[in-house]
Every structure is written in C-alpha cells, then in structure tokens.
Amino acid sequence: MSKIVNEKEIQERIEYYKSLPLKHFDEASAYRFILNSIDLTTLEGSDNKQKINDLCHKALQFKMEEKNIPTTAAVCVYPTFVAQAKEILKGSNVKVAAVAGAFPAGQSPIEIKVAEVEYTVAQGADEIDMVISRGKFLEGNYQEVYDEIVAIKKACGKARLKVILETGELQSLTNIYKAAEIAIEAGADFIKTSTGKIPVNATPESFLTMLDVLKAHYDKTGKVVGMKPAGGIADAETAIAYLKILENVLGEPWLNNHYFRIGASRLADRIYEKCI
C-alpha cells in the first residue's frame, strides 16, 4: 500500500520552506547553480537544424570564465537532432538529452518505444527523457508501467534515464507519490515532473511530493536518484523557490547538476541576466 499524501500538509510545508533564507547559497551562487542545472530545451514540431544550432551555441555562450558563469547542464531535443547537437557540443561539458519512447503521450507499443530509445542512444544521447504510460497507471496497471520503464532503462545502455511522470495528468498527490515509487524501483536515474506539453506542468506540490519519495528511498537504501522539475519554471523567483524546497528536503547530495536539473526554455536568459 503506497503512502496517502496529506495535501494540506504539503501546502503548509511549501509555504514554510519558501519563507526561509537559502542555506547553501548566497544570491549570486544560487543563480549560477540554477543556470548550471538547466536542461535548455526545444521540443516543437517546427524544430529544425538552424534552431538546434542556435540552441546549442546558446548553451555554450552562457559560459563566462571571468565572472564564473557556467554553461547549462544539457540541451534537450528530439531524437533526430541528437547527432547534430552532439557534434556542436563536442569537447564541452554540456550533455545531450533527448525525449524518446513515444514522447509526450506515451501511447505506443513498448516495442516502438524501445526501438526509439535504442535509435536515440545510437545517435549519441547522454540522457533519455521518457514518459510513463499514464493511462495504464490510472487503470491501476502498475506492473506494466514498471515493466515498460525496466525495458527502456535496459535500452538506454550507458545513457542516464529520466522518467517523466506527467504529474498534471495523475489526478492526486497520492498518485504522484505512487508513480514516483514505481519509477525509482524500475531503475530511473532521475524522476521528472512533466513534459511541458499539457496545461499543468511542474508545481511546488508535485515537486515536494516527489522529493519526499526520493528522501524515503535515500534513507532506506543510501542511493541518490535525481530530480527534474520541468515546464512552467520561467523566472528567477520561481526557480529560487524550488531551490529552497530542494535544499530543505534533500540537501547537499542533490545540490549539483548530476542529480538536479530544471527543464526550461525561457528561464536560462532570465537567470543569466541575474548572473552578469
């Protein structure tokens, strides 16, 4: 039996964490950490070679040695652009992430999902962002959701796997908690809130609920699994609020871009302005 999440308690904790000062950062270092945690993302039907070229160069151009300003952690693109992104970013520390496995709906047979993941890894992706089958989850078919993640994790080989729960479609925080547990047990390297393709994306409530699952798993096993809120985090104030929640719930092991990312397209420019 999965944990029943008390939604009122989640709300109260969010307000409390947001009221606290940053623990591990001053303002300047917080903005640099946030910039260095961003997966700079374009996932549009109109994406093309020029747009990917611009995105990759943008990720690199944030870096300013004299002001200690870093690059973003990664760029996140569709599978067909992975090889191009990999070539542009060669020699940098910017990773290439790609959505694969029937993103964003997840409504394809597992064989198709696995084939797409295998193709994307072969193209050179460092990280795969997959989305769970929400329909199967909401039917209570948890074993099939688990089995699909296991199959996709295997197809990733050495690439790290981020499992998107699409929290805006899961109907309750209790469901989000359960889905996060399944993803972690199935081998997720990261759990991620959202695709950015539906009206409700990352929220502080879904974020905190997922952090609680990560904390319980860490306390039980000693294993750190990463966290990626995505969609709707578009300004510095919102990003700082998420950072406060992160450092109060999970703390130091997660305060690096190996275990914390933010999926965003608009946020990077606004954070960069705060850095310079």
C-alpha atoms as a PDB file:
ATOM      1  CA  MET A   1       0.000   0.000   0.000  1.00  0.00           C
ATOM      2  CA  SER A   2       1.510   3.306  -1.075  1.00  0.00           C
ATOM      3  CA  LYS A   3       1.568   6.316   1.182  1.00  0.00           C
ATOM      4  CA  ILE A   4      -1.515   8.586   1.281  1.00  0.00           C
ATOM      5  CA  VAL A   5      -0.271  12.149   0.793  1.00  0.00           C
ATOM      6  CA  ASN A   6      -1.768  14.864   3.014  1.00  0.00           C
ATOM      7  CA  GLU A   7      -2.279  17.741   0.563  1.00  0.00           C
ATOM      8  CA  LYS A   8      -2.811  20.367   3.285  1.00  0.00           C
ATOM      9  CA  GLU A   9       0.439  19.388   4.954  1.00  0.00           C
ATOM     10  CA  ILE A  10       2.264  19.642   1.610  1.00  0.00           C
ATOM     11  CA  GLN A  11       0.922  23.179   1.127  1.00  0.00           C
ATOM     12  CA  GLU A  12       1.992  24.225   4.619  1.00  0.00           C
ATOM     13  CA  ARG A  13       5.498  22.847   4.129  1.00  0.00           C
ATOM     14  CA  ILE A  14       5.864  24.672   0.807  1.00  0.00           C
ATOM     15  CA  GLU A  15       4.972  27.996   2.406  1.00  0.00           C
ATOM     16  CA  TYR A  16       7.386  27.320   5.270  1.00  0.00           C
ATOM     17  CA  TYR A  17      10.312  26.383   3.016  1.00  0.00           C
ATOM     18  CA  LYS A  18       9.724  29.404   0.776  1.00  0.00           C
ATOM     19  CA  SER A  19       9.840  31.689   3.820  1.00  0.00           C
ATOM     20  CA  LEU A  20      13.343  30.513   4.769  1.00  0.00           C
ATOM     21  CA  PRO A  21      16.614  32.045   3.579  1.00  0.00           C
ATOM     22  CA  LEU A  22      18.809  29.972   1.292  1.00  0.00           C
ATOM     23  CA  LYS A  23      21.016  27.633   3.334  1.00  0.00           C
ATOM     24  CA  HIS A  24      23.797  26.635   0.957  1.00  0.00           C
ATOM     25  CA  PHE A  25      23.996  29.642  -1.379  1.00  0.00           C
ATOM     26  CA  ASP A  26      24.219  33.384  -1.433  1.00  0.00           C
ATOM     27  CA  GLU A  27      22.114  35.030  -4.146  1.00  0.00           C
ATOM     28  CA  ALA A  28      24.891  35.073  -6.766  1.00  0.00           C
ATOM     29  CA  SER A  29      25.900  31.441  -6.286  1.00  0.00           C
ATOM     30  CA  ALA A  30      22.236  30.377  -6.297  1.00  0.00           C
ATOM     31  CA  TYR A  31      21.723  31.902  -9.748  1.00  0.00           C
ATOM     32  CA  ARG A  32      24.882  30.251 -11.067  1.00  0.00           C
ATOM     33  CA  PHE A  33      23.788  26.895  -9.674  1.00  0.00           C
ATOM     34  CA  ILE A  34      20.341  27.253 -11.275  1.00  0.00           C
ATOM     35  CA  LEU A  35      21.843  28.178 -14.673  1.00  0.00           C
ATOM     36  CA  ASN A  36      24.193  25.191 -14.472  1.00  0.00           C
ATOM     37  CA  SER A  37      21.229  22.906 -13.642  1.00  0.00           C
ATOM     38  CA  ILE A  38      19.082  23.831 -16.659  1.00  0.00           C
ATOM     39  CA  ASP A  39      18.308  21.413 -19.476  1.00  0.00           C
ATOM     40  CA  LEU A  40      17.912  24.048 -22.207  1.00  0.00           C
ATOM     41  CA  THR A  41      15.016  22.672 -24.175  1.00  0.00           C
ATOM     42  CA  THR A  42      13.296  22.909 -27.528  1.00  0.00           C
ATOM     43  CA  LEU A  43      10.576  20.353 -28.279  1.00  0.00           C
ATOM     44  CA  GLU A  44       8.439  21.869 -31.028  1.00  0.00           C
ATOM     45  CA  GLY A  45       7.087  20.469 -34.253  1.00  0.00           C
ATOM     46  CA  SER A  46       8.816  23.365 -36.018  1.00  0.00           C
ATOM     47  CA  ASP A  47      12.292  22.450 -34.710  1.00  0.00           C
ATOM     48  CA  ASN A  48      14.894  22.353 -37.480  1.00  0.00           C
ATOM     49  CA  LYS A  49      18.664  22.254 -37.924  1.00  0.00           C
ATOM     50  CA  GLN A  50      19.089  26.018 -37.548  1.00  0.00           C
ATOM     51  CA  LYS A  51      17.052  26.096 -34.345  1.00  0.00           C
ATOM     52  CA  ILE A  52      19.139  23.270 -32.841  1.00  0.00           C
ATOM     53  CA  ASN A  53      22.343  25.004 -33.929  1.00  0.00           C
ATOM     54  CA  ASP A  54      21.195  28.197 -32.189  1.00  0.00           C
ATOM     55  CA  LEU A  55      20.148  26.317 -29.044  1.00  0.00           C
ATOM     56  CA  CYS A  56      23.481  24.523 -28.683  1.00  0.00           C
ATOM     57  CA  HIS A  57      25.534  27.657 -29.238  1.00  0.00           C
ATOM     58  CA  LYS A  58      23.361  29.486 -26.751  1.00  0.00           C
ATOM     59  CA  ALA A  59      24.093  26.839 -24.098  1.00  0.00           C
ATOM     60  CA  LEU A  60      27.826  27.274 -24.718  1.00  0.00           C
ATOM     61  CA  GLN A  61      27.764  31.056 -24.859  1.00  0.00           C
ATOM     62  CA  PHE A  62      26.455  31.462 -21.310  1.00  0.00           C
ATOM     63  CA  LYS A  63      29.918  30.474 -20.072  1.00  0.00           C
ATOM     64  CA  MET A  64      31.948  33.470 -18.935  1.00  0.00           C
ATOM     65  CA  GLU A  65      35.154  32.483 -17.116  1.00  0.00           C
ATOM     66  CA  GLU A  66      35.943  35.919 -15.712  1.00  0.00           C
ATOM     67  CA  LYS A  67      32.560  36.127 -13.986  1.00  0.00           C
ATOM     68  CA  ASN A  68      32.438  32.436 -13.077  1.00  0.00           C
ATOM     69  CA  ILE A  69      29.256  31.954 -15.119  1.00  0.00           C
ATOM     70  CA  PRO A  70      28.710  28.330 -16.221  1.00  0.00           C
ATOM     71  CA  THR A  71      27.016  26.702 -19.194  1.00  0.00           C
ATOM     72  CA  THR A  72      23.659  24.987 -18.833  1.00  0.00           C
ATOM     73  CA  ALA A  73      23.799  21.309 -17.828  1.00  0.00           C
ATOM     74  CA  ALA A  74      22.373  19.990 -21.083  1.00  0.00           C
ATOM     75  CA  VAL A  75      20.311  20.682 -24.140  1.00  0.00           C
ATOM     76  CA  CYS A  76      17.167  18.604 -24.596  1.00  0.00           C
ATOM     77  CA  VAL A  77      15.957  17.859 -28.138  1.00  0.00           C
ATOM     78  CA  TYR A  78      14.045  15.360 -30.254  1.00  0.00           C
ATOM     79  CA  PRO A  79      15.913  12.178 -31.323  1.00  0.00           C
ATOM     80  CA  THR A  80      16.530  13.279 -34.921  1.00  0.00           C
ATOM     81  CA  PHE A  81      18.637  16.217 -33.700  1.00  0.00           C
ATOM     82  CA  VAL A  82      20.856  14.309 -31.267  1.00  0.00           C
ATOM     83  CA  ALA A  83      23.772  13.702 -33.650  1.00  0.00           C
ATOM     84  CA  GLN A  84      23.810  17.370 -34.687  1.00  0.00           C
ATOM     85  CA  ALA A  85      23.737  18.574 -31.069  1.00  0.00           C
ATOM     86  CA  LYS A  86      26.435  16.082 -30.085  1.00  0.00           C
ATOM     87  CA  GLU A  87      28.746  17.378 -32.809  1.00  0.00           C
ATOM     88  CA  ILE A  88      28.280  21.043 -31.855  1.00  0.00           C
ATOM     89  CA  LEU A  89      28.761  20.371 -28.141  1.00  0.00           C
ATOM     90  CA  LYS A  90      31.769  18.062 -28.615  1.00  0.00           C
ATOM     91  CA  GLY A  91      34.509  18.868 -26.091  1.00  0.00           C
ATOM     92  CA  SER A  92      32.186  20.844 -23.811  1.00  0.00           C
ATOM     93  CA  ASN A  93      30.597  19.705 -20.563  1.00  0.00           C
ATOM     94  CA  VAL A  94      27.073  20.270 -21.934  1.00  0.00           C
ATOM     95  CA  LYS A  95      25.209  16.962 -22.152  1.00  0.00           C
ATOM     96  CA  VAL A  96      22.801  15.998 -24.917  1.00  0.00           C
ATOM     97  CA  ALA A  97      19.439  14.849 -23.572  1.00  0.00           C
ATOM     98  CA  ALA A  98      16.620  13.664 -25.803  1.00  0.00           C
ATOM     99  CA  VAL A  99      12.991  12.746 -25.341  1.00  0.00           C
ATOM    100  CA  ALA A 100      12.280   9.230 -26.588  1.00  0.00           C
ATOM    101  CA  GLY A 101       9.783   6.424 -26.070  1.00  0.00           C
ATOM    102  CA  ALA A 102       6.666   7.975 -27.641  1.00  0.00           C
ATOM    103  CA  PHE A 103       7.006  11.413 -26.044  1.00  0.00           C
ATOM    104  CA  PRO A 104       4.784  13.148 -24.970  1.00  0.00           C
ATOM    105  CA  ALA A 105       1.714  10.875 -24.897  1.00  0.00           C
ATOM    106  CA  GLY A 106       3.418   7.546 -24.291  1.00  0.00           C
ATOM    107  CA  GLN A 107       0.696   5.881 -26.345  1.00  0.00           C
ATOM    108  CA  SER A 108       2.750   3.450 -28.418  1.00  0.00           C
ATOM    109  CA  PRO A 109       3.563  -0.252 -28.017  1.00  0.00           C
ATOM    110  CA  ILE A 110       6.607  -0.937 -25.852  1.00  0.00           C
ATOM    111  CA  GLU A 111       8.489  -2.374 -28.872  1.00  0.00           C
ATOM    112  CA  ILE A 112       8.182   1.003 -30.629  1.00  0.00           C
ATOM    113  CA  LYS A 113       9.257   2.873 -27.516  1.00  0.00           C
ATOM    114  CA  VAL A 114      12.309   0.671 -27.009  1.00  0.00           C
ATOM    115  CA  ALA A 115      13.289   0.976 -30.691  1.00  0.00           C
ATOM    116  CA  GLU A 116      13.136   4.765 -30.489  1.00  0.00           C
ATOM    117  CA  VAL A 117      15.262   4.789 -27.344  1.00  0.00           C
ATOM    118  CA  GLU A 118      17.833   2.475 -28.949  1.00  0.00           C
ATOM    119  CA  TYR A 119      17.979   4.746 -32.015  1.00  0.00           C
ATOM    120  CA  THR A 120      18.420   7.830 -29.842  1.00  0.00           C
ATOM    121  CA  VAL A 121      21.228   6.295 -27.793  1.00  0.00           C
ATOM    122  CA  ALA A 122      22.944   5.154 -31.002  1.00  0.00           C
ATOM    123  CA  GLN A 123      22.795   8.763 -32.202  1.00  0.00           C
ATOM    124  CA  GLY A 124      24.852   9.726 -29.153  1.00  0.00           C
ATOM    125  CA  ALA A 125      22.386  10.851 -26.484  1.00  0.00           C
ATOM    126  CA  ASP A 126      23.873  11.098 -22.991  1.00  0.00           C
ATOM    127  CA  GLU A 127      20.444  11.131 -21.362  1.00  0.00           C
ATOM    128  CA  ILE A 128      16.969   9.865 -22.274  1.00  0.00           C
ATOM    129  CA  ASP A 129      13.796  11.570 -21.032  1.00  0.00           C
ATOM    130  CA  MET A 130      10.899   9.084 -21.289  1.00  0.00           C
ATOM    131  CA  VAL A 131       7.304   9.447 -20.134  1.00  0.00           C
ATOM    132  CA  ILE A 132       5.280   6.802 -18.313  1.00  0.00           C
ATOM    133  CA  SER A 133       2.021   5.380 -19.650  1.00  0.00           C
ATOM    134  CA  ARG A 134      -0.400   7.470 -17.606  1.00  0.00           C
ATOM    135  CA  GLY A 135      -3.436   5.633 -18.959  1.00  0.00           C
ATOM    136  CA  LYS A 136      -2.089   2.312 -17.703  1.00  0.00           C
ATOM    137  CA  PHE A 137      -1.156   3.881 -14.373  1.00  0.00           C
ATOM    138  CA  LEU A 138      -4.647   5.331 -13.884  1.00  0.00           C
ATOM    139  CA  GLU A 139      -6.155   1.909 -14.669  1.00  0.00           C
ATOM    140  CA  GLY A 140      -4.084   0.554 -11.787  1.00  0.00           C
ATOM    141  CA  ASN A 141      -1.876  -1.440 -14.147  1.00  0.00           C
ATOM    142  CA  TYR A 142       1.247  -0.635 -12.152  1.00  0.00           C
ATOM    143  CA  GLN A 143       3.169  -3.757 -13.175  1.00  0.00           C
ATOM    144  CA  GLU A 144       3.026  -2.840 -16.863  1.00  0.00           C
ATOM    145  CA  VAL A 145       4.153   0.725 -16.085  1.00  0.00           C
ATOM    146  CA  TYR A 146       7.063  -0.744 -14.108  1.00  0.00           C
ATOM    147  CA  ASP A 147       7.932  -3.273 -16.829  1.00  0.00           C
ATOM    148  CA  GLU A 148       8.000  -0.578 -19.531  1.00  0.00           C
ATOM    149  CA  ILE A 149      10.441   1.545 -17.513  1.00  0.00           C
ATOM    150  CA  VAL A 150      12.653  -1.506 -16.924  1.00  0.00           C
ATOM    151  CA  ALA A 151      12.689  -2.252 -20.675  1.00  0.00           C
ATOM    152  CA  ILE A 152      13.517   1.342 -21.576  1.00  0.00           C
ATOM    153  CA  LYS A 153      16.212   1.549 -18.895  1.00  0.00           C
ATOM    154  CA  LYS A 154      17.831  -1.536 -20.437  1.00  0.00           C
ATOM    155  CA  ALA A 155      17.659   0.058 -23.888  1.00  0.00           C
ATOM    156  CA  CYS A 156      19.447   3.159 -22.537  1.00  0.00           C
ATOM    157  CA  GLY A 157      22.715   1.295 -22.052  1.00  0.00           C
ATOM    158  CA  LYS A 158      25.121   3.851 -20.553  1.00  0.00           C
ATOM    159  CA  ALA A 159      22.750   6.797 -21.087  1.00  0.00           C
ATOM    160  CA  ARG A 160      21.043   8.054 -17.943  1.00  0.00           C
ATOM    161  CA  LEU A 161      17.257   7.713 -17.783  1.00  0.00           C
ATOM    162  CA  LYS A 162      14.900  10.468 -16.654  1.00  0.00           C
ATOM    163  CA  VAL A 163      11.368   9.172 -16.101  1.00  0.00           C
ATOM    164  CA  ILE A 164       8.636  11.769 -16.639  1.00  0.00           C
ATOM    165  CA  LEU A 165       5.526  11.151 -14.531  1.00  0.00           C
ATOM    166  CA  GLU A 166       3.414  13.850 -16.258  1.00  0.00           C
ATOM    167  CA  THR A 167       2.134  14.855 -12.827  1.00  0.00           C
ATOM    168  CA  GLY A 168      -0.577  17.141 -14.241  1.00  0.00           C
ATOM    169  CA  GLU A 169      -2.420  14.047 -15.509  1.00  0.00           C
ATOM    170  CA  LEU A 170      -2.080  11.886 -12.385  1.00  0.00           C
ATOM    171  CA  GLN A 171      -5.078  13.426 -10.559  1.00  0.00           C
ATOM    172  CA  SER A 172      -3.720  13.441  -6.983  1.00  0.00           C
ATOM    173  CA  LEU A 173      -0.535  13.844  -4.957  1.00  0.00           C
ATOM    174  CA  THR A 174      -1.025  10.293  -3.682  1.00  0.00           C
ATOM    175  CA  ASN A 175      -0.915   9.063  -7.292  1.00  0.00           C
ATOM    176  CA  ILE A 176       2.200  11.146  -7.933  1.00  0.00           C
ATOM    177  CA  TYR A 177       3.870   9.552  -4.896  1.00  0.00           C
ATOM    178  CA  LYS A 178       2.980   6.070  -6.146  1.00  0.00           C
ATOM    179  CA  ALA A 179       4.196   6.780  -9.690  1.00  0.00           C
ATOM    180  CA  ALA A 180       7.495   8.126  -8.355  1.00  0.00           C
ATOM    181  CA  GLU A 181       7.974   4.982  -6.271  1.00  0.00           C
ATOM    182  CA  ILE A 182       7.382   2.800  -9.342  1.00  0.00           C
ATOM    183  CA  ALA A 183       9.822   4.815 -11.463  1.00  0.00           C
ATOM    184  CA  ILE A 184      12.575   4.617  -8.849  1.00  0.00           C
ATOM    185  CA  GLU A 185      12.086   0.899  -8.246  1.00  0.00           C
ATOM    186  CA  ALA A 186      12.226   0.307 -12.017  1.00  0.00           C
ATOM    187  CA  GLY A 187      15.651   1.930 -12.244  1.00  0.00           C
ATOM    188  CA  ALA A 188      15.136   5.630 -13.021  1.00  0.00           C
ATOM    189  CA  ASP A 189      18.293   7.711 -12.687  1.00  0.00           C
ATOM    190  CA  PHE A 190      16.050  10.793 -12.408  1.00  0.00           C
ATOM    191  CA  ILE A 191      12.371  11.383 -11.870  1.00  0.00           C
ATOM    192  CA  LYS A 192      10.868  14.334 -13.729  1.00  0.00           C
ATOM    193  CA  THR A 193       7.555  16.115 -13.272  1.00  0.00           C
ATOM    194  CA  SER A 194       6.320  16.981 -16.726  1.00  0.00           C
ATOM    195  CA  THR A 195       6.594  17.070 -20.495  1.00  0.00           C
ATOM    196  CA  GLY A 196       5.703  20.758 -20.762  1.00  0.00           C
ATOM    197  CA  LYS A 197       3.018  19.730 -23.252  1.00  0.00           C
ATOM    198  CA  ILE A 198      -0.129  19.909 -21.104  1.00  0.00           C
ATOM    199  CA  PRO A 199      -1.744  22.808 -19.181  1.00  0.00           C
ATOM    200  CA  VAL A 200      -0.466  21.748 -15.729  1.00  0.00           C
ATOM    201  CA  ASN A 201       3.274  21.179 -15.566  1.00  0.00           C
ATOM    202  CA  ALA A 202       5.666  21.398 -12.608  1.00  0.00           C
ATOM    203  CA  THR A 203       4.072  22.685  -9.411  1.00  0.00           C
ATOM    204  CA  PRO A 204       5.638  23.097  -5.962  1.00  0.00           C
ATOM    205  CA  GLU A 205       3.151  20.479  -4.715  1.00  0.00           C
ATOM    206  CA  SER A 206       4.162  17.797  -7.222  1.00  0.00           C
ATOM    207  CA  PHE A 207       7.831  18.693  -6.744  1.00  0.00           C
ATOM    208  CA  LEU A 208       7.727  18.354  -2.956  1.00  0.00           C
ATOM    209  CA  THR A 209       5.767  15.088  -3.169  1.00  0.00           C
ATOM    210  CA  MET A 210       8.423  13.628  -5.470  1.00  0.00           C
ATOM    211  CA  LEU A 211      11.226  14.881  -3.211  1.00  0.00           C
ATOM    212  CA  ASP A 212       9.612  13.043  -0.298  1.00  0.00           C
ATOM    213  CA  VAL A 213       9.787   9.792  -2.296  1.00  0.00           C
ATOM    214  CA  LEU A 214      13.448  10.435  -3.126  1.00  0.00           C
ATOM    215  CA  LYS A 215      14.206  11.128   0.540  1.00  0.00           C
ATOM    216  CA  ALA A 216      12.454   7.930   1.687  1.00  0.00           C
ATOM    217  CA  HIS A 217      14.386   5.928  -0.922  1.00  0.00           C
ATOM    218  CA  TYR A 218      17.681   7.538   0.105  1.00  0.00           C
ATOM    219  CA  ASP A 219      17.045   6.913   3.802  1.00  0.00           C
ATOM    220  CA  LYS A 220      16.250   3.267   3.052  1.00  0.00           C
ATOM    221  CA  THR A 221      18.987   2.471   0.508  1.00  0.00           C
ATOM    222  CA  GLY A 222      21.583   5.244   0.587  1.00  0.00           C
ATOM    223  CA  LYS A 223      21.066   5.692  -3.166  1.00  0.00           C
ATOM    224  CA  VAL A 224      20.696   9.165  -4.686  1.00  0.00           C
ATOM    225  CA  VAL A 225      18.178   9.409  -7.549  1.00  0.00           C
ATOM    226  CA  GLY A 226      17.997  12.720  -9.412  1.00  0.00           C
ATOM    227  CA  MET A 227      15.111  15.193  -9.659  1.00  0.00           C
ATOM    228  CA  LYS A 228      13.973  17.336 -12.581  1.00  0.00           C
ATOM    229  CA  PRO A 229      11.040  19.736 -12.363  1.00  0.00           C
ATOM    230  CA  ALA A 230      10.072  20.857 -15.866  1.00  0.00           C
ATOM    231  CA  GLY A 231       7.548  23.124 -17.508  1.00  0.00           C
ATOM    232  CA  GLY A 232       6.353  26.472 -16.190  1.00  0.00           C
ATOM    233  CA  ILE A 233       9.504  27.466 -14.277  1.00  0.00           C
ATOM    234  CA  ALA A 234      10.121  30.646 -16.225  1.00  0.00           C
ATOM    235  CA  ASP A 235      11.505  33.270 -13.827  1.00  0.00           C
ATOM    236  CA  ALA A 236      14.209  33.642 -11.191  1.00  0.00           C
ATOM    237  CA  GLU A 237      11.819  33.989  -8.253  1.00  0.00           C
ATOM    238  CA  THR A 238      10.084  30.696  -9.061  1.00  0.00           C
ATOM    239  CA  ALA A 239      13.404  28.906  -9.561  1.00  0.00           C
ATOM    240  CA  ILE A 240      14.696  30.161  -6.186  1.00  0.00           C
ATOM    241  CA  ALA A 241      11.504  28.892  -4.502  1.00  0.00           C
ATOM    242  CA  TYR A 242      12.128  25.409  -5.959  1.00  0.00           C
ATOM    243  CA  LEU A 243      15.746  25.566  -4.826  1.00  0.00           C
ATOM    244  CA  LYS A 244      14.679  26.379  -1.257  1.00  0.00           C
ATOM    245  CA  ILE A 245      12.357  23.367  -1.216  1.00  0.00           C
ATOM    246  CA  LEU A 246      15.111  21.147  -2.643  1.00  0.00           C
ATOM    247  CA  GLU A 247      17.779  22.132  -0.130  1.00  0.00           C
ATOM    248  CA  ASN A 248      15.442  21.805   2.856  1.00  0.00           C
ATOM    249  CA  VAL A 249      14.080  18.382   1.900  1.00  0.00           C
ATOM    250  CA  LEU A 250      17.053  16.671   0.264  1.00  0.00           C
ATOM    251  CA  GLY A 251      20.056  18.872   0.951  1.00  0.00           C
ATOM    252  CA  GLU A 252      23.656  18.579  -0.105  1.00  0.00           C
ATOM    253  CA  PRO A 253      23.801  15.297  -2.097  1.00  0.00           C
ATOM    254  CA  TRP A 254      21.376  16.834  -4.637  1.00  0.00           C
ATOM    255  CA  LEU A 255      22.972  20.274  -4.911  1.00  0.00           C
ATOM    256  CA  ASN A 256      24.784  19.566  -8.177  1.00  0.00           C
ATOM    257  CA  ASN A 257      23.675  19.088 -11.759  1.00  0.00           C
ATOM    258  CA  HIS A 258      24.417  15.363 -11.684  1.00  0.00           C
ATOM    259  CA  TYR A 259      21.312  14.942  -9.504  1.00  0.00           C
ATOM    260  CA  PHE A 260      19.268  18.104 -10.054  1.00  0.00           C
ATOM    261  CA  ARG A 261      18.009  19.614 -13.289  1.00  0.00           C
ATOM    262  CA  ILE A 262      15.373  22.116 -14.334  1.00  0.00           C
ATOM    263  CA  GLY A 263      13.713  21.642 -17.709  1.00  0.00           C
ATOM    264  CA  ALA A 264      13.234  25.090 -19.229  1.00  0.00           C
ATOM    265  CA  SER A 265      13.428  27.180 -22.357  1.00  0.00           C
ATOM    266  CA  ARG A 266      12.744  30.712 -21.116  1.00  0.00           C
ATOM    267  CA  LEU A 267      14.378  30.519 -17.687  1.00  0.00           C
ATOM    268  CA  ALA A 268      18.029  30.491 -18.792  1.00  0.00           C
ATOM    269  CA  ASP A 269      18.053  34.028 -20.224  1.00  0.00           C
ATOM    270  CA  ARG A 270      16.387  35.441 -17.109  1.00  0.00           C
ATOM    271  CA  ILE A 271      18.813  33.674 -14.786  1.00  0.00           C
ATOM    272  CA  TYR A 272      21.793  34.709 -16.922  1.00  0.00           C
ATOM    273  CA  GLU A 273      20.766  38.360 -16.550  1.00  0.00           C
ATOM    274  CA  LYS A 274      20.967  37.909 -12.779  1.00  0.00           C
ATOM    275  CA  CYS A 275      24.474  36.430 -13.089  1.00  0.00           C
ATOM    276  CA  ILE A 276      26.138  39.211 -15.087  1.00  0.00           C
END
